[in-house]
């Protein structure tokens, strides 16, 4: 059993699908029913005694400055490439923080802190079992629970991947080296998840960390936000 040392939260993106809300507010700082999305993550991590938290900022980075003052153990790393390259750049600038680490996107709502448990057996991504169409990444496993493939264009059978992943120190070291390699080889247009899931899938032995779809919500658009918080319905055309 491995125990998490720390967390990395990705919060550098432009949040273009949430405009006009994100014209002056970074998407992770948008409030949902009174709570900023990124604060729901920080609070859930603290409940599981994960207090060493690195937030990777970029767009409107100064808006995050209050978080280290409000929450013990939180620190900020700025991604200077956020408006030029894909999110591989965010893990590249935070690669030295990779240990026994959980990596999350900052634009999620954590409804079940248990999915962030500090104890885990194998590196892998949170996933919920589906039997209907989803346009998210869908993982497929063998009989032992190892991820053997992933459909990035969606599917109707398998495990829907969420942006919550846990990495043991050995896999973290390899992940950091490979992200560095791809970024410094100017492979800027990929997601960092492409590195372990596709480009170097043969080097990793990933598992699905099984969750229920109600445990976490990823919000990608104003329409999805308005479905959860009716105060935003005025922004839906």
C-alpha atoms as a PDB file:
ATOM      1  CA  UNK A   1       0.000   0.000   0.000  1.00  0.00           C
ATOM      2  CA  UNK A   2       1.246   3.481  -0.936  1.00  0.00           C
ATOM      3  CA  UNK A   3       0.415   6.673   0.959  1.00  0.00           C
ATOM      4  CA  UNK A   4       0.119  10.011  -0.817  1.00  0.00           C
ATOM      5  CA  UNK A   5       2.652  12.720   0.014  1.00  0.00           C
ATOM      6  CA  UNK A   6       1.084  15.603  -1.857  1.00  0.00           C
ATOM      7  CA  UNK A   7      -1.325  16.915  -4.473  1.00  0.00           C
ATOM      8  CA  UNK A   8      -0.922  18.896  -7.696  1.00  0.00           C
ATOM      9  CA  UNK A   9      -3.955  20.840  -8.924  1.00  0.00           C
ATOM     10  CA  UNK A  10      -4.012  22.050 -12.537  1.00  0.00           C
ATOM     11  CA  UNK A  11      -5.570  25.525 -12.698  1.00  0.00           C
ATOM     12  CA  UNK A  12      -3.799  27.359 -15.522  1.00  0.00           C
ATOM     13  CA  UNK A  13      -6.356  27.174 -18.351  1.00  0.00           C
ATOM     14  CA  UNK A  14      -8.287  29.951 -20.045  1.00  0.00           C
ATOM     15  CA  UNK A  15     -11.751  28.450 -19.441  1.00  0.00           C
ATOM     16  CA  UNK A  16     -13.036  29.713 -22.799  1.00  0.00           C
ATOM     17  CA  UNK A  17     -16.210  27.570 -22.695  1.00  0.00           C
ATOM     18  CA  UNK A  18     -17.256  29.338 -19.507  1.00  0.00           C
ATOM     19  CA  UNK A  19     -17.167  32.881 -20.859  1.00  0.00           C
ATOM     20  CA  UNK A  20     -18.295  35.510 -19.932  1.00  0.00           C
ATOM     21  CA  UNK A  21     -17.840  34.186 -16.371  1.00  0.00           C
ATOM     22  CA  UNK A  22     -14.156  33.597 -16.988  1.00  0.00           C
ATOM     23  CA  UNK A  23     -13.413  36.976 -18.525  1.00  0.00           C
ATOM     24  CA  UNK A  24     -12.289  38.195 -15.111  1.00  0.00           C
ATOM     25  CA  UNK A  25     -12.340  35.020 -13.005  1.00  0.00           C
ATOM     26  CA  UNK A  26     -10.287  31.855 -13.652  1.00  0.00           C
ATOM     27  CA  UNK A  27     -12.591  28.879 -14.118  1.00  0.00           C
ATOM     28  CA  UNK A  28     -11.434  27.042 -10.942  1.00  0.00           C
ATOM     29  CA  UNK A  29     -12.421  30.106  -8.906  1.00  0.00           C
ATOM     30  CA  UNK A  30     -15.990  30.204 -10.223  1.00  0.00           C
ATOM     31  CA  UNK A  31     -18.404  29.586  -7.364  1.00  0.00           C
ATOM     32  CA  UNK A  32     -20.888  26.729  -7.552  1.00  0.00           C
ATOM     33  CA  UNK A  33     -23.674  26.999  -4.987  1.00  0.00           C
ATOM     34  CA  UNK A  34     -21.483  29.323  -2.955  1.00  0.00           C
ATOM     35  CA  UNK A  35     -18.190  27.417  -3.065  1.00  0.00           C
ATOM     36  CA  UNK A  36     -15.323  27.950  -5.488  1.00  0.00           C
ATOM     37  CA  UNK A  37     -14.591  24.761  -7.394  1.00  0.00           C
ATOM     38  CA  UNK A  38     -10.936  24.660  -6.443  1.00  0.00           C
ATOM     39  CA  UNK A  39     -11.801  25.206  -2.785  1.00  0.00           C
ATOM     40  CA  UNK A  40     -14.052  22.142  -2.833  1.00  0.00           C
ATOM     41  CA  UNK A  41     -10.948  20.205  -3.905  1.00  0.00           C
ATOM     42  CA  UNK A  42      -8.623  21.758  -1.309  1.00  0.00           C
ATOM     43  CA  UNK A  43     -11.150  21.160   1.467  1.00  0.00           C
ATOM     44  CA  UNK A  44     -11.641  17.534   0.391  1.00  0.00           C
ATOM     45  CA  UNK A  45      -7.866  16.985   0.302  1.00  0.00           C
ATOM     46  CA  UNK A  46      -7.502  18.453   3.782  1.00  0.00           C
ATOM     47  CA  UNK A  47     -10.219  16.110   5.059  1.00  0.00           C
ATOM     48  CA  UNK A  48      -8.033  13.222   3.889  1.00  0.00           C
ATOM     49  CA  UNK A  49      -4.956  14.801   5.571  1.00  0.00           C
ATOM     50  CA  UNK A  50      -3.319  15.753   2.273  1.00  0.00           C
ATOM     51  CA  UNK A  51      -1.989  19.205   3.098  1.00  0.00           C
ATOM     52  CA  UNK A  52       1.004  19.636   0.749  1.00  0.00           C
ATOM     53  CA  UNK A  53      -0.858  21.083  -2.241  1.00  0.00           C
ATOM     54  CA  UNK A  54       0.693  22.702  -5.310  1.00  0.00           C
ATOM     55  CA  UNK A  55      -1.602  24.720  -7.578  1.00  0.00           C
ATOM     56  CA  UNK A  56      -0.361  25.390 -11.113  1.00  0.00           C
ATOM     57  CA  UNK A  57      -1.684  28.772 -12.242  1.00  0.00           C
ATOM     58  CA  UNK A  58      -1.495  30.664 -15.511  1.00  0.00           C
ATOM     59  CA  UNK A  59      -4.510  32.659 -16.688  1.00  0.00           C
ATOM     60  CA  UNK A  60      -5.230  35.500 -14.224  1.00  0.00           C
ATOM     61  CA  UNK A  61      -2.682  33.934 -11.883  1.00  0.00           C
ATOM     62  CA  UNK A  62      -2.846  36.733  -9.312  1.00  0.00           C
ATOM     63  CA  UNK A  63      -6.474  35.837  -8.565  1.00  0.00           C
ATOM     64  CA  UNK A  64      -5.205  32.706  -6.781  1.00  0.00           C
ATOM     65  CA  UNK A  65      -2.918  34.590  -4.401  1.00  0.00           C
ATOM     66  CA  UNK A  66      -5.372  34.389  -1.489  1.00  0.00           C
ATOM     67  CA  UNK A  67      -5.331  30.588  -1.379  1.00  0.00           C
ATOM     68  CA  UNK A  68      -1.926  30.061   0.330  1.00  0.00           C
ATOM     69  CA  UNK A  69      -3.000  32.576   2.959  1.00  0.00           C
ATOM     70  CA  UNK A  70      -6.332  30.862   3.532  1.00  0.00           C
ATOM     71  CA  UNK A  71      -5.164  27.235   3.459  1.00  0.00           C
ATOM     72  CA  UNK A  72      -2.101  25.841   5.190  1.00  0.00           C
ATOM     73  CA  UNK A  73       0.212  23.866   2.944  1.00  0.00           C
ATOM     74  CA  UNK A  74      -0.942  25.429  -0.331  1.00  0.00           C
ATOM     75  CA  UNK A  75       1.646  26.879  -2.699  1.00  0.00           C
ATOM     76  CA  UNK A  76       1.451  28.291  -6.221  1.00  0.00           C
ATOM     77  CA  UNK A  77       3.570  27.593  -9.287  1.00  0.00           C
ATOM     78  CA  UNK A  78       3.071  29.791 -12.343  1.00  0.00           C
ATOM     79  CA  UNK A  79       2.925  28.229 -15.801  1.00  0.00           C
ATOM     80  CA  UNK A  80       4.297  30.871 -18.208  1.00  0.00           C
ATOM     81  CA  UNK A  81       3.292  28.746 -21.212  1.00  0.00           C
ATOM     82  CA  UNK A  82      -0.420  28.479 -20.377  1.00  0.00           C
ATOM     83  CA  UNK A  83      -1.638  30.580 -23.321  1.00  0.00           C
ATOM     84  CA  UNK A  84       0.669  28.961 -25.887  1.00  0.00           C
ATOM     85  CA  UNK A  85       0.756  25.235 -25.174  1.00  0.00           C
ATOM     86  CA  UNK A  86      -1.511  22.438 -23.987  1.00  0.00           C
ATOM     87  CA  UNK A  87      -1.627  21.250 -20.382  1.00  0.00           C
ATOM     88  CA  UNK A  88       1.548  19.186 -20.706  1.00  0.00           C
ATOM     89  CA  UNK A  89       3.144  22.551 -19.912  1.00  0.00           C
ATOM     90  CA  UNK A  90       1.477  22.624 -16.484  1.00  0.00           C
ATOM     91  CA  UNK A  91       2.875  19.277 -15.394  1.00  0.00           C
ATOM     92  CA  UNK A  92       6.217  20.215 -16.923  1.00  0.00           C
ATOM     93  CA  UNK A  93       6.573  23.244 -14.643  1.00  0.00           C
ATOM     94  CA  UNK A  94       5.386  21.190 -11.638  1.00  0.00           C
ATOM     95  CA  UNK A  95       7.341  17.999 -12.413  1.00  0.00           C
ATOM     96  CA  UNK A  96       9.695  18.448  -9.458  1.00  0.00           C
ATOM     97  CA  UNK A  97       6.659  18.124  -7.155  1.00  0.00           C
ATOM     98  CA  UNK A  98       5.936  14.575  -8.327  1.00  0.00           C
ATOM     99  CA  UNK A  99       6.307  12.069  -5.468  1.00  0.00           C
ATOM    100  CA  UNK A 100       3.556   9.788  -4.194  1.00  0.00           C
ATOM    101  CA  UNK A 101       1.184  12.279  -5.734  1.00  0.00           C
ATOM    102  CA  UNK A 102      -2.444  12.848  -6.632  1.00  0.00           C
ATOM    103  CA  UNK A 103      -3.019  15.061  -9.694  1.00  0.00           C
ATOM    104  CA  UNK A 104      -6.357  16.822 -10.186  1.00  0.00           C
ATOM    105  CA  UNK A 105      -7.922  19.454 -12.411  1.00  0.00           C
ATOM    106  CA  UNK A 106      -9.093  22.535 -10.561  1.00  0.00           C
ATOM    107  CA  UNK A 107     -12.460  22.803 -12.303  1.00  0.00           C
ATOM    108  CA  UNK A 108     -14.194  19.923 -10.543  1.00  0.00           C
ATOM    109  CA  UNK A 109     -16.520  19.495  -7.603  1.00  0.00           C
ATOM    110  CA  UNK A 110     -15.607  16.771  -5.136  1.00  0.00           C
ATOM    111  CA  UNK A 111     -18.766  15.388  -3.525  1.00  0.00           C
ATOM    112  CA  UNK A 112     -17.130  12.339  -1.941  1.00  0.00           C
ATOM    113  CA  UNK A 113     -13.756  13.052  -0.293  1.00  0.00           C
ATOM    114  CA  UNK A 114     -13.187   9.299   0.047  1.00  0.00           C
ATOM    115  CA  UNK A 115     -12.094   9.178  -3.603  1.00  0.00           C
ATOM    116  CA  UNK A 116      -9.086  11.258  -2.518  1.00  0.00           C
ATOM    117  CA  UNK A 117      -7.998   8.732   0.100  1.00  0.00           C
ATOM    118  CA  UNK A 118      -4.278   8.930   0.772  1.00  0.00           C
ATOM    119  CA  UNK A 119      -3.886   5.144   0.642  1.00  0.00           C
ATOM    120  CA  UNK A 120      -3.775   3.362  -2.713  1.00  0.00           C
ATOM    121  CA  UNK A 121      -2.265   0.247  -4.246  1.00  0.00           C
ATOM    122  CA  UNK A 122      -1.402   1.048  -7.871  1.00  0.00           C
ATOM    123  CA  UNK A 123      -0.996   4.151  -9.971  1.00  0.00           C
ATOM    124  CA  UNK A 124      -4.030   5.012 -12.048  1.00  0.00           C
ATOM    125  CA  UNK A 125      -7.028   7.195 -12.791  1.00  0.00           C
ATOM    126  CA  UNK A 126     -10.407   7.497 -11.126  1.00  0.00           C
ATOM    127  CA  UNK A 127     -13.077   5.914 -13.283  1.00  0.00           C
ATOM    128  CA  UNK A 128     -16.804   5.176 -13.123  1.00  0.00           C
ATOM    129  CA  UNK A 129     -18.357   2.217 -14.921  1.00  0.00           C
ATOM    130  CA  UNK A 130     -20.597   3.230 -17.816  1.00  0.00           C
ATOM    131  CA  UNK A 131     -23.072   1.433 -20.051  1.00  0.00           C
ATOM    132  CA  UNK A 132     -24.267   4.368 -22.111  1.00  0.00           C
ATOM    133  CA  UNK A 133     -22.560   6.783 -24.457  1.00  0.00           C
ATOM    134  CA  UNK A 134     -20.048   9.288 -23.082  1.00  0.00           C
ATOM    135  CA  UNK A 135     -17.775  11.533 -25.114  1.00  0.00           C
ATOM    136  CA  UNK A 136     -15.142  11.480 -22.354  1.00  0.00           C
ATOM    137  CA  UNK A 137     -12.051   9.264 -22.399  1.00  0.00           C
ATOM    138  CA  UNK A 138     -13.070   5.655 -21.756  1.00  0.00           C
ATOM    139  CA  UNK A 139     -10.643   3.165 -20.201  1.00  0.00           C
ATOM    140  CA  UNK A 140     -10.771  -0.589 -20.777  1.00  0.00           C
ATOM    141  CA  UNK A 141      -9.232  -3.143 -18.426  1.00  0.00           C
ATOM    142  CA  UNK A 142      -8.237  -6.780 -18.400  1.00  0.00           C
ATOM    143  CA  UNK A 143      -9.477  -9.335 -15.868  1.00  0.00           C
ATOM    144  CA  UNK A 144      -6.845  -8.165 -13.372  1.00  0.00           C
ATOM    145  CA  UNK A 145      -8.000  -4.538 -13.546  1.00  0.00           C
ATOM    146  CA  UNK A 146      -5.035  -3.264 -15.582  1.00  0.00           C
ATOM    147  CA  UNK A 147      -5.813  -0.525 -18.099  1.00  0.00           C
ATOM    148  CA  UNK A 148      -5.111  -2.044 -21.512  1.00  0.00           C
ATOM    149  CA  UNK A 149      -6.572   0.651 -23.769  1.00  0.00           C
ATOM    150  CA  UNK A 150      -8.333   3.989 -23.781  1.00  0.00           C
ATOM    151  CA  UNK A 151     -10.797   5.498 -26.275  1.00  0.00           C
ATOM    152  CA  UNK A 152     -10.194   9.223 -26.374  1.00  0.00           C
ATOM    153  CA  UNK A 153     -13.238   9.808 -28.600  1.00  0.00           C
ATOM    154  CA  UNK A 154     -15.679   8.283 -26.134  1.00  0.00           C
ATOM    155  CA  UNK A 155     -17.643   5.056 -25.941  1.00  0.00           C
ATOM    156  CA  UNK A 156     -20.540   3.281 -24.277  1.00  0.00           C
ATOM    157  CA  UNK A 157     -18.735   0.514 -22.398  1.00  0.00           C
ATOM    158  CA  UNK A 158     -15.838   0.716 -19.970  1.00  0.00           C
ATOM    159  CA  UNK A 159     -14.618   3.137 -17.311  1.00  0.00           C
ATOM    160  CA  UNK A 160     -15.150   6.869 -17.776  1.00  0.00           C
ATOM    161  CA  UNK A 161     -11.881   8.615 -16.915  1.00  0.00           C
ATOM    162  CA  UNK A 162     -11.875  11.518 -14.474  1.00  0.00           C
ATOM    163  CA  UNK A 163      -9.085  14.036 -13.959  1.00  0.00           C
ATOM    164  CA  UNK A 164      -8.107  12.533 -10.625  1.00  0.00           C
ATOM    165  CA  UNK A 165      -5.060  10.278 -10.735  1.00  0.00           C
ATOM    166  CA  UNK A 166      -2.687   8.837  -8.147  1.00  0.00           C
ATOM    167  CA  UNK A 167       0.957   8.006  -8.808  1.00  0.00           C
ATOM    168  CA  UNK A 168       3.456   6.140  -6.694  1.00  0.00           C
ATOM    169  CA  UNK A 169       6.978   7.535  -6.452  1.00  0.00           C
ATOM    170  CA  UNK A 170       8.450   5.196  -9.081  1.00  0.00           C
ATOM    171  CA  UNK A 171       5.762   5.973 -11.638  1.00  0.00           C
ATOM    172  CA  UNK A 172       5.940   9.668 -10.745  1.00  0.00           C
ATOM    173  CA  UNK A 173       9.674   9.723 -11.447  1.00  0.00           C
ATOM    174  CA  UNK A 174       9.118   8.090 -14.829  1.00  0.00           C
ATOM    175  CA  UNK A 175       6.165  10.362 -15.595  1.00  0.00           C
ATOM    176  CA  UNK A 176       8.205  13.463 -14.790  1.00  0.00           C
ATOM    177  CA  UNK A 177      11.095  12.328 -16.987  1.00  0.00           C
ATOM    178  CA  UNK A 178       8.827  11.508 -19.929  1.00  0.00           C
ATOM    179  CA  UNK A 179       6.835  14.745 -19.653  1.00  0.00           C
ATOM    180  CA  UNK A 180      10.131  16.624 -19.608  1.00  0.00           C
ATOM    181  CA  UNK A 181      11.332  14.668 -22.645  1.00  0.00           C
ATOM    182  CA  UNK A 182       8.195  15.343 -24.680  1.00  0.00           C
ATOM    183  CA  UNK A 183       7.993  19.008 -23.727  1.00  0.00           C
ATOM    184  CA  UNK A 184      11.649  19.698 -24.427  1.00  0.00           C
ATOM    185  CA  UNK A 185      11.226  17.887 -27.755  1.00  0.00           C
ATOM    186  CA  UNK A 186       8.605  20.563 -28.476  1.00  0.00           C
ATOM    187  CA  UNK A 187       5.617  18.210 -28.329  1.00  0.00           C
ATOM    188  CA  UNK A 188       3.563  21.074 -26.964  1.00  0.00           C
ATOM    189  CA  UNK A 189       0.085  20.230 -28.224  1.00  0.00           C
ATOM    190  CA  UNK A 190      -0.610  17.131 -26.140  1.00  0.00           C
ATOM    191  CA  UNK A 191      -2.273  16.644 -22.801  1.00  0.00           C
ATOM    192  CA  UNK A 192       0.056  15.440 -20.073  1.00  0.00           C
ATOM    193  CA  UNK A 193      -2.247  12.410 -19.758  1.00  0.00           C
ATOM    194  CA  UNK A 194      -1.262  11.419 -23.300  1.00  0.00           C
ATOM    195  CA  UNK A 195       2.178  10.530 -21.953  1.00  0.00           C
ATOM    196  CA  UNK A 196       1.186   7.605 -19.680  1.00  0.00           C
ATOM    197  CA  UNK A 197      -2.055   6.680 -21.417  1.00  0.00           C
ATOM    198  CA  UNK A 198      -0.966   6.634 -25.070  1.00  0.00           C
ATOM    199  CA  UNK A 199       2.607   7.606 -25.943  1.00  0.00           C
ATOM    200  CA  UNK A 200       4.302   5.450 -23.292  1.00  0.00           C
ATOM    201  CA  UNK A 201       1.421   3.200 -22.231  1.00  0.00           C
ATOM    202  CA  UNK A 202       3.711   0.154 -22.341  1.00  0.00           C
ATOM    203  CA  UNK A 203       5.902   1.635 -19.603  1.00  0.00           C
ATOM    204  CA  UNK A 204       3.097   2.034 -17.063  1.00  0.00           C
ATOM    205  CA  UNK A 205       0.942  -0.498 -15.230  1.00  0.00           C
ATOM    206  CA  UNK A 206      -2.131   1.610 -14.558  1.00  0.00           C
ATOM    207  CA  UNK A 207      -5.301   0.598 -12.751  1.00  0.00           C
ATOM    208  CA  UNK A 208      -8.771   2.090 -12.535  1.00  0.00           C
ATOM    209  CA  UNK A 209      -9.522   3.625  -9.144  1.00  0.00           C
ATOM    210  CA  UNK A 210     -13.211   2.786  -9.095  1.00  0.00           C
ATOM    211  CA  UNK A 211     -15.643   5.534  -8.126  1.00  0.00           C
ATOM    212  CA  UNK A 212     -19.335   6.297  -8.577  1.00  0.00           C
ATOM    213  CA  UNK A 213     -20.375   8.960 -11.063  1.00  0.00           C
ATOM    214  CA  UNK A 214     -21.990  10.904  -8.211  1.00  0.00           C
ATOM    215  CA  UNK A 215     -18.650  11.245  -6.380  1.00  0.00           C
ATOM    216  CA  UNK A 216     -17.283  13.984  -8.611  1.00  0.00           C
ATOM    217  CA  UNK A 217     -18.584  16.441 -11.188  1.00  0.00           C
ATOM    218  CA  UNK A 218     -16.482  17.962 -13.944  1.00  0.00           C
ATOM    219  CA  UNK A 219     -17.981  21.178 -15.296  1.00  0.00           C
ATOM    220  CA  UNK A 220     -17.054  21.959 -18.904  1.00  0.00           C
ATOM    221  CA  UNK A 221     -19.565  24.619 -19.944  1.00  0.00           C
ATOM    222  CA  UNK A 222     -21.955  27.283 -18.664  1.00  0.00           C
ATOM    223  CA  UNK A 223     -24.854  24.974 -19.551  1.00  0.00           C
ATOM    224  CA  UNK A 224     -23.486  22.259 -17.254  1.00  0.00           C
ATOM    225  CA  UNK A 225     -22.845  24.852 -14.550  1.00  0.00           C
ATOM    226  CA  UNK A 226     -26.412  26.172 -14.799  1.00  0.00           C
ATOM    227  CA  UNK A 227     -27.775  22.641 -14.382  1.00  0.00           C
ATOM    228  CA  UNK A 228     -26.061  22.464 -10.993  1.00  0.00           C
ATOM    229  CA  UNK A 229     -26.433  26.094  -9.884  1.00  0.00           C
ATOM    230  CA  UNK A 230     -29.582  27.780 -11.192  1.00  0.00           C
ATOM    231  CA  UNK A 231     -28.197  31.264 -10.525  1.00  0.00           C
ATOM    232  CA  UNK A 232     -26.222  30.895 -13.770  1.00  0.00           C
ATOM    233  CA  UNK A 233     -29.257  30.179 -15.981  1.00  0.00           C
ATOM    234  CA  UNK A 234     -29.253  33.839 -17.043  1.00  0.00           C
ATOM    235  CA  UNK A 235     -26.052  33.118 -18.988  1.00  0.00           C
ATOM    236  CA  UNK A 236     -27.587  30.274 -20.981  1.00  0.00           C
ATOM    237  CA  UNK A 237     -28.887  31.323 -24.374  1.00  0.00           C
END
